[in-house]
Structure formats: C-alpha cells, structure tokens
Amino acid sequence: MSHYFTNDKVKSEEKEIKIIINDQNLKMIVDNGIFSKKGLDFGTRSLLENINIDEIKGDVLDFGCGYGPIGIYIKKVCNVNVDMVDINERALNLAKKNAILNNVKVNIYQSNIYSNINKKYDFIITNPPIRVGKKILNDILFSSLKHLKENGSLIYVINKNQGAKTTMKDLDEIADTKIIKKNKGFYIILAKNR
C-alpha cells in the first residue's frame, strides 16, 4: 500500500492547481503519491493563515514539505532563507517545480527525518506526517528542538483527534508551548526552546 511518506511507485498524474493564502496567489503542481494531491489541505491552510508572518525571520525549515506550499508561501511573503525537506522523491521533484513556477529561491533536498539537516533554524514549520505513527511523529517533533537556534520556534499543525493535546503536553515538559489558534479541530501549536 502506498503512502505519501514513502517512495512507492504510483502512476503519475500531475495537475496544476491555484491556491490563495492571505491574498497571496500561488500556482502548484500536485500529483498522486503525495499529500495532498487534491490541493491545499485544511490543516496546512489553517497553519499558514494563522502564523504571525511579521515574526518569521532568519532561517526557516519546512519539514515534510510535500509539494511545497508552506516553504514557498513563507518565502513569497517573508525575507527569509528557506530550506525544504521531505523523504518522498516525487514530493521533492514537485516542490522544485513549484519553486520555479512561483519564482522563489529555496533549498530543497531529501532527508529521512533530520538525517541530512546540518544547521540550526530560527523556525521549523510543519504539517507533520501523522500516518507515520506516534513513535516517528514524536521523533519528528521532539528532535526538531535540537535543530533550532537558541530562541528558535517549532510551529506545527495537528488535529485534536490525532494527538494535538498529547503532543503539546509532552513537548511542554522540555519546551514552552502555546496554542496559536484552534480551527475546526486543528491546533496550530508553537513550541520554543527553553
């Protein structure tokens, strides 16, 4: 069975979609075998519409970038350096096409969790892959703190039925966490290194 976080071979059916986020128009190419092939999912939209763009500075990592909506949007609206990583090769190829399509310069490369991350960031922003299971999800979220600069922040979106309260409670033991916004069951959560 194929999942968006694997590199299983799934028949390609690329299509171009239009996305509007906070009055920013983007064109994106999506495909089978990636999340979310139907277009911008509600969780990612909620995340991008509710983060304080004015606070985003410095170096930003879009973890699990998929076809690229988070990193490309952030680069379009902020004067920051953006790195985008994913394990899925098809997603990375789409993200590269979408960066060109939207005329942004970002760094896009493959990484299995943080295996190829060699620097620290001011912000890590993610809609993490929930279907990887709790153990890997926790590794993604908890390990992110090691890849943040001293005053860096993790911003992530997660559904309340998929562990929002639990991940926030667990992260709060080692970081300062707060809910930025709740939107129809999705929590946008900020975790800062102590």
Foldseek 3Di string as FASTA:
>chain_A
DAALQDQDDDDWDWDWDWDAAPNDIFIFIATPSHPPRVDDDPQVSVQRNQDDLVPDEEEEEEEQQFLHPPQLVSQVRHVYAYEYEGQHPVRQVRVVVRCVRSVGDYHYDYDDQCNPPDAAAQEYEYADDLVVDDVVVLCNVVVNQVRHPQFHKYKYKDFQVSQPVPSQVVLVVAWPKDFSDDDPRMTTMMTTGD
